[in-house]
Amino acid sequence: MKWRDRKQSTNVDDRRGRSGGGGGRGLPSIGTLMFLWPLVKPLLRSKLGIAVVGIGAAAYFIGPSLLGMGGASSSKDVDPNSEDVAFIKTVHGDIETVWAKIFAEAGQRYPVPELVLYTGSTTSGCGPASSRMGPFYCPADTKIYVDMGFFEDLEHKHGAGGDFARAYVLAHEVGHHIQNLEGTLDKVETAKHRVTGNDKNQLQVRVELQADCYAGVWAHHVQKQFKALEPGDLEEALTAAASIGDDRLQKQAQGFAIPHTFTHGSSKQRAEWFARGVKNGRVQDCQTFGS
């Protein structure tokens, strides 16, 4: 990806190296804890606190409070002046520019989400955050949380290396921010109260696939505005999308997949929805919930 000599985002809170991370709004409310308990309880019974009991996939919190990529990260500090940090700040700036233009063309203002870089653990508006969750978006404080070590794991554990794979990850999380602004996240949470079991999982899959599609929309426009893509970039993003499909993660963990337990979609679905967004760069092509 061609990224040098472009503006870096200033909407970045670099908490790496701080004890406990700092920032955020502290612990979640009692109401939030009660809602999250059915999700947290099975995680507490797992060996590492990051594997879903009975599924075995690398996991992270999903619900109204945390929306993540899939896959967990180990905590590895990154030099604050490294190219990795400069790159991710530039990508965040590109994402801001692209979505601001899309919103402006629709006669709307785009509220920019803040990117929080942290090491090991920190606090968020959705409660404590750990690198084991992987990157996630918190609707409560409209911030994206990333432990930079996730990108190394994405390459070495999931076989999805390359700078544009990293750009896709961040663009996916911003996709959840777009859903928050649209009111989609609230609507889905309301709908979840009317269904049970597998139907709840299917709603969450639709949320994640739409975020993948929005990441594709961004990829289309970053090329159109900045000529940023190089040969192989889209393939890197497609590989990243496929590498963290529920089926692949479950097969890696236990040797088989259980489709009705999926919360993010299969590798095929994730790659297809990202590609759909790339094709024409139209938000309206990302209707995973139907017309």
Protein backbone atom coordinates (compact mmCIF):
# COMPACT_ATOMS: atom_id res chain seq x y z
CA MET A 1 0.00 0.00 0.00
CA LYS A 2 1.30 3.45 -0.92
CA TRP A 3 0.96 5.45 2.28
CA ARG A 4 3.99 7.66 2.82
CA ASP A 5 3.77 11.46 2.69
CA ARG A 6 0.08 11.50 3.53
CA LYS A 7 -1.51 13.04 6.59
CA GLN A 8 -1.53 10.96 9.75
CA SER A 9 -4.62 11.03 11.93
CA THR A 10 -4.43 13.13 15.08
CA ASN A 11 -7.39 11.20 16.55
CA VAL A 12 -5.11 8.64 18.16
CA ASP A 13 -4.66 8.01 21.87
CA ASP A 14 -1.38 6.14 22.30
CA ARG A 15 -1.54 4.41 25.68
CA ARG A 16 1.14 1.83 25.01
CA GLY A 17 3.55 1.39 27.87
CA ARG A 18 1.19 2.82 30.47
CA SER A 19 0.33 0.67 33.46
CA GLY A 20 -3.22 -0.57 33.00
CA GLY A 21 -3.55 1.53 29.87
CA GLY A 22 -5.41 4.46 31.43
CA GLY A 23 -8.14 6.43 29.71
CA GLY A 24 -11.67 5.27 29.02
CA ARG A 25 -14.62 5.53 31.35
CA GLY A 26 -13.62 2.87 33.80
CA LEU A 27 -15.73 -0.14 34.71
CA PRO A 28 -19.05 -0.82 32.99
CA SER A 29 -22.32 -0.13 34.68
CA ILE A 30 -24.23 -2.82 36.60
CA GLY A 31 -26.71 -3.00 33.74
CA THR A 32 -23.94 -3.60 31.24
CA LEU A 33 -22.37 -6.27 33.44
CA MET A 34 -25.72 -8.06 33.75
CA PHE A 35 -26.17 -8.02 29.99
CA LEU A 36 -22.62 -9.23 29.32
CA TRP A 37 -22.61 -11.98 31.96
CA PRO A 38 -24.03 -14.72 29.67
CA LEU A 39 -21.20 -13.90 27.25
CA VAL A 40 -18.48 -13.56 29.87
CA LYS A 41 -19.36 -16.63 31.94
CA PRO A 42 -18.30 -19.28 29.39
CA LEU A 43 -15.11 -17.35 28.73
CA LEU A 44 -14.23 -17.47 32.41
CA ARG A 45 -14.50 -21.26 32.32
CA SER A 46 -12.04 -21.58 29.44
CA LYS A 47 -8.37 -22.34 29.97
CA LEU A 48 -7.08 -18.99 28.78
CA GLY A 49 -10.21 -16.89 29.13
CA ILE A 50 -10.25 -16.38 25.36
CA ALA A 51 -11.74 -19.58 23.96
CA VAL A 52 -15.49 -20.18 23.75
CA VAL A 53 -16.36 -23.40 25.59
CA GLY A 54 -17.79 -26.01 23.22
CA ILE A 55 -16.64 -24.14 20.13
CA GLY A 56 -12.92 -23.73 20.61
CA ALA A 57 -12.52 -20.74 18.30
CA ALA A 58 -10.26 -17.88 19.25
CA ALA A 59 -12.78 -15.44 20.64
CA TYR A 60 -13.54 -11.99 21.95
CA PHE A 61 -16.55 -10.26 23.41
CA ILE A 62 -19.48 -9.65 21.07
CA GLY A 63 -22.62 -7.72 21.89
CA PRO A 64 -23.74 -4.14 22.30
CA SER A 65 -20.50 -3.27 24.07
CA LEU A 66 -17.64 -4.77 22.08
CA LEU A 67 -17.44 -5.57 18.39
CA GLY A 68 -14.26 -7.26 17.25
CA MET A 69 -12.52 -8.85 14.29
CA GLY A 70 -12.20 -12.42 15.41
CA GLY A 71 -8.97 -13.92 16.66
CA ALA A 72 -7.03 -12.83 19.72
CA SER A 73 -3.68 -11.11 19.96
CA SER A 74 -0.69 -11.45 22.18
CA SER A 75 0.70 -8.32 23.78
CA LYS A 76 3.85 -7.13 22.06
CA ASP A 77 5.01 -3.57 22.47
CA VAL A 78 5.86 -1.56 19.39
CA ASP A 79 8.36 1.26 19.11
CA PRO A 80 6.32 4.50 19.22
CA ASN A 81 8.33 5.83 16.29
CA SER A 82 8.16 2.64 14.25
CA GLU A 83 6.84 2.41 10.74
CA ASP A 84 4.03 0.17 12.00
CA VAL A 85 2.63 2.99 14.12
CA ALA A 86 3.15 5.60 11.41
CA PHE A 87 1.37 3.32 8.96
CA ILE A 88 -1.66 2.67 11.14
CA LYS A 89 -2.01 6.39 11.90
CA THR A 90 -1.88 7.14 8.19
CA VAL A 91 -4.49 4.50 7.42
CA HIS A 92 -6.71 5.93 10.14
CA GLY A 93 -6.31 9.33 8.50
CA ASP A 94 -7.23 7.85 5.10
CA ILE A 95 -10.32 6.24 6.59
CA GLU A 96 -11.36 9.57 8.12
CA THR A 97 -10.96 11.33 4.77
CA VAL A 98 -12.89 8.71 2.81
CA TRP A 99 -15.86 8.45 5.16
CA ALA A 100 -16.04 12.22 5.67
CA LYS A 101 -16.41 12.60 1.90
CA ILE A 102 -19.05 9.84 1.67
CA PHE A 103 -21.05 11.42 4.48
CA ALA A 104 -20.68 14.91 3.01
CA GLU A 105 -22.04 13.70 -0.33
CA ALA A 106 -25.09 12.49 1.59
CA GLY A 107 -25.44 15.89 3.29
CA GLN A 108 -24.22 14.63 6.65
CA ARG A 109 -21.28 15.24 8.97
CA TYR A 110 -18.98 12.37 9.86
CA PRO A 111 -18.06 12.17 13.58
CA VAL A 112 -14.56 10.67 13.66
CA PRO A 113 -13.88 7.73 16.02
CA GLU A 114 -10.74 7.85 18.13
CA LEU A 115 -8.16 5.10 17.75
CA VAL A 116 -6.66 3.81 21.01
CA LEU A 117 -3.34 1.97 20.84
CA TYR A 118 -2.52 0.03 23.99
CA THR A 119 -0.32 -2.72 25.38
CA GLY A 120 -1.70 -5.68 27.28
CA SER A 121 -4.74 -4.08 28.87
CA THR A 122 -6.57 -0.81 29.21
CA THR A 123 -10.00 0.53 30.10
CA SER A 124 -12.75 1.46 27.69
CA GLY A 125 -16.26 2.83 27.78
CA CYS A 126 -17.35 -0.80 27.55
CA GLY A 127 -15.26 -1.93 30.51
CA PRO A 128 -11.81 -3.54 30.83
CA ALA A 129 -10.05 -4.33 27.57
CA SER A 130 -7.39 -6.96 26.95
CA SER A 131 -5.11 -7.68 24.03
CA ARG A 132 -6.57 -11.20 24.07
CA MET A 133 -9.81 -9.79 22.66
CA GLY A 134 -8.19 -8.62 19.45
CA PRO A 135 -9.09 -5.23 17.92
CA PHE A 136 -12.59 -4.02 18.78
CA TYR A 137 -14.96 -1.08 18.57
CA CYS A 138 -16.78 0.21 21.64
CA PRO A 139 -20.05 2.01 20.82
CA ALA A 140 -20.26 3.49 24.33
CA ASP A 141 -17.26 5.77 23.80
CA THR A 142 -17.06 5.50 19.97
CA LYS A 143 -13.43 4.39 20.11
CA ILE A 144 -11.48 1.64 18.40
CA TYR A 145 -9.04 -0.33 20.56
CA VAL A 146 -6.00 -2.04 19.07
CA ASP A 147 -3.04 -3.82 20.61
CA MET A 148 -0.46 -3.62 17.81
CA GLY A 149 0.69 -7.16 18.62
CA PHE A 150 -2.47 -8.43 16.92
CA PHE A 151 -1.04 -7.65 13.51
CA GLU A 152 2.00 -9.82 14.12
CA ASP A 153 -0.28 -12.65 15.18
CA LEU A 154 -2.46 -12.07 12.13
CA GLU A 155 0.57 -12.77 9.97
CA HIS A 156 2.28 -15.55 11.88
CA LYS A 157 -0.69 -17.40 13.39
CA HIS A 158 -3.30 -16.84 10.71
CA GLY A 159 -1.12 -16.51 7.59
CA ALA A 160 -2.43 -13.06 6.70
CA GLY A 161 0.54 -10.75 6.37
CA GLY A 162 1.00 -7.50 4.49
CA ASP A 163 0.25 -3.89 5.16
CA PHE A 164 -3.14 -3.90 3.47
CA ALA A 165 -4.26 -6.79 5.65
CA ARG A 166 -3.66 -4.46 8.59
CA ALA A 167 -5.52 -1.67 6.85
CA TYR A 168 -8.49 -4.01 6.35
CA VAL A 169 -8.60 -4.79 10.07
CA LEU A 170 -8.83 -1.12 11.02
CA ALA A 171 -11.34 -0.40 8.24
CA HIS A 172 -13.53 -3.25 9.53
CA GLU A 173 -13.62 -1.74 13.02
CA VAL A 174 -14.51 1.65 11.56
CA GLY A 175 -17.27 -0.20 9.74
CA HIS A 176 -18.80 -0.88 13.16
CA HIS A 177 -18.57 2.85 13.89
CA ILE A 178 -20.55 3.53 10.72
CA GLN A 179 -23.16 1.01 11.87
CA ASN A 180 -23.34 2.79 15.19
CA LEU A 181 -23.93 6.13 13.49
CA GLU A 182 -26.61 4.59 11.27
CA GLY A 183 -28.41 3.13 14.27
CA THR A 184 -27.87 -0.41 13.03
CA LEU A 185 -26.19 -1.64 16.21
CA ASP A 186 -29.09 -0.46 18.37
CA LYS A 187 -31.62 -2.06 16.04
CA VAL A 188 -29.77 -5.37 16.10
CA GLU A 189 -29.59 -5.40 19.89
CA THR A 190 -33.33 -4.74 20.06
CA ALA A 191 -33.94 -7.55 17.58
CA LYS A 192 -31.79 -9.94 19.62
CA HIS A 193 -34.21 -9.60 22.53
CA ARG A 194 -36.96 -11.01 20.32
CA VAL A 195 -35.10 -14.14 19.25
CA THR A 196 -33.13 -16.93 20.87
CA GLY A 197 -30.18 -19.22 20.25
CA ASN A 198 -28.99 -19.53 16.68
CA ASP A 199 -31.09 -16.61 15.48
CA LYS A 200 -29.08 -14.27 17.70
CA ASN A 201 -25.87 -15.60 16.21
CA GLN A 202 -27.19 -15.01 12.71
CA LEU A 203 -27.96 -11.39 13.51
CA GLN A 204 -24.41 -10.92 14.74
CA VAL A 205 -23.03 -12.55 11.60
CA ARG A 206 -24.93 -10.00 9.52
CA VAL A 207 -23.40 -7.19 11.60
CA GLU A 208 -19.88 -8.48 11.00
CA LEU A 209 -20.34 -9.12 7.30
CA GLN A 210 -21.66 -5.61 6.81
CA ALA A 211 -18.56 -4.23 8.56
CA ASP A 212 -16.47 -6.29 6.14
CA CYS A 213 -18.39 -4.79 3.24
CA TYR A 214 -17.87 -1.27 4.60
CA ALA A 215 -14.15 -2.03 4.77
CA GLY A 216 -14.38 -2.88 1.08
CA VAL A 217 -16.17 0.40 0.36
CA TRP A 218 -13.26 2.21 1.99
CA ALA A 219 -10.74 0.23 -0.07
CA HIS A 220 -12.53 1.26 -3.26
CA HIS A 221 -12.45 4.93 -2.36
CA VAL A 222 -8.91 5.04 -0.95
CA GLN A 223 -7.75 3.84 -4.34
CA LYS A 224 -9.97 6.34 -6.12
CA GLN A 225 -8.80 9.28 -3.98
CA PHE A 226 -5.15 8.43 -3.34
CA LYS A 227 -4.18 5.70 -5.82
CA ALA A 228 -3.01 3.91 -2.70
CA LEU A 229 -3.29 0.28 -3.77
CA GLU A 230 -0.38 -1.73 -5.08
CA PRO A 231 -0.46 -5.13 -6.79
CA GLY A 232 -1.42 -7.78 -4.25
CA ASP A 233 -3.04 -5.42 -1.74
CA LEU A 234 -6.61 -6.58 -2.31
CA GLU A 235 -5.44 -10.18 -2.15
CA GLU A 236 -3.86 -9.45 1.25
CA ALA A 237 -7.16 -8.08 2.56
CA LEU A 238 -9.13 -10.99 1.14
CA THR A 239 -6.71 -13.43 2.75
CA ALA A 240 -7.08 -11.62 6.08
CA ALA A 241 -10.88 -11.70 5.84
CA ALA A 242 -10.84 -15.42 5.07
CA SER A 243 -8.23 -16.25 7.72
CA ILE A 244 -10.50 -15.13 10.55
CA GLY A 245 -13.70 -16.75 9.31
CA ASP A 246 -15.48 -18.71 12.02
CA ASP A 247 -15.13 -22.00 10.15
CA ARG A 248 -11.38 -21.65 9.80
CA LEU A 249 -10.84 -20.58 13.40
CA GLN A 250 -12.97 -23.44 14.69
CA LYS A 251 -11.21 -26.00 12.51
CA GLN A 252 -7.83 -24.74 13.71
CA ALA A 253 -8.95 -25.03 17.32
CA GLN A 254 -10.82 -28.34 17.28
CA GLY A 255 -10.64 -29.86 13.84
CA PHE A 256 -14.23 -29.16 12.75
CA ALA A 257 -16.69 -26.30 12.37
CA ILE A 258 -20.16 -25.85 13.86
CA PRO A 259 -21.96 -23.43 11.49
CA HIS A 260 -24.90 -22.61 13.76
CA THR A 261 -22.47 -21.22 16.34
CA PHE A 262 -20.86 -18.76 13.92
CA THR A 263 -20.90 -15.11 15.05
CA HIS A 264 -18.78 -13.53 12.31
CA GLY A 265 -19.42 -15.59 9.20
CA SER A 266 -17.47 -18.16 7.26
CA SER A 267 -14.22 -17.41 5.46
CA LYS A 268 -16.08 -17.44 2.15
CA GLN A 269 -18.74 -15.03 3.38
CA ARG A 270 -16.25 -12.58 4.86
CA ALA A 271 -14.15 -12.46 1.70
CA GLU A 272 -17.22 -12.16 -0.53
CA TRP A 273 -18.73 -9.24 1.39
CA PHE A 274 -15.42 -7.39 1.48
CA ALA A 275 -15.12 -7.90 -2.30
CA ARG A 276 -18.69 -6.67 -2.78
CA GLY A 277 -17.83 -3.38 -1.09
CA VAL A 278 -14.67 -3.00 -3.17
CA LYS A 279 -16.45 -3.54 -6.49
CA ASN A 280 -18.46 -0.32 -6.70
CA GLY A 281 -17.69 1.47 -3.43
CA ARG A 282 -21.39 1.91 -2.67
CA VAL A 283 -22.72 1.78 0.86
CA GLN A 284 -26.09 0.59 -0.44
CA ASP A 285 -24.44 -2.61 -1.69
CA CYS A 286 -23.75 -3.65 1.90
CA GLN A 287 -27.31 -4.58 2.90
CA THR A 288 -26.59 -7.81 4.75
CA PHE A 289 -29.93 -7.38 6.52
CA GLY A 290 -31.86 -7.32 3.24
CA SER A 291 -33.46 -4.40 1.44
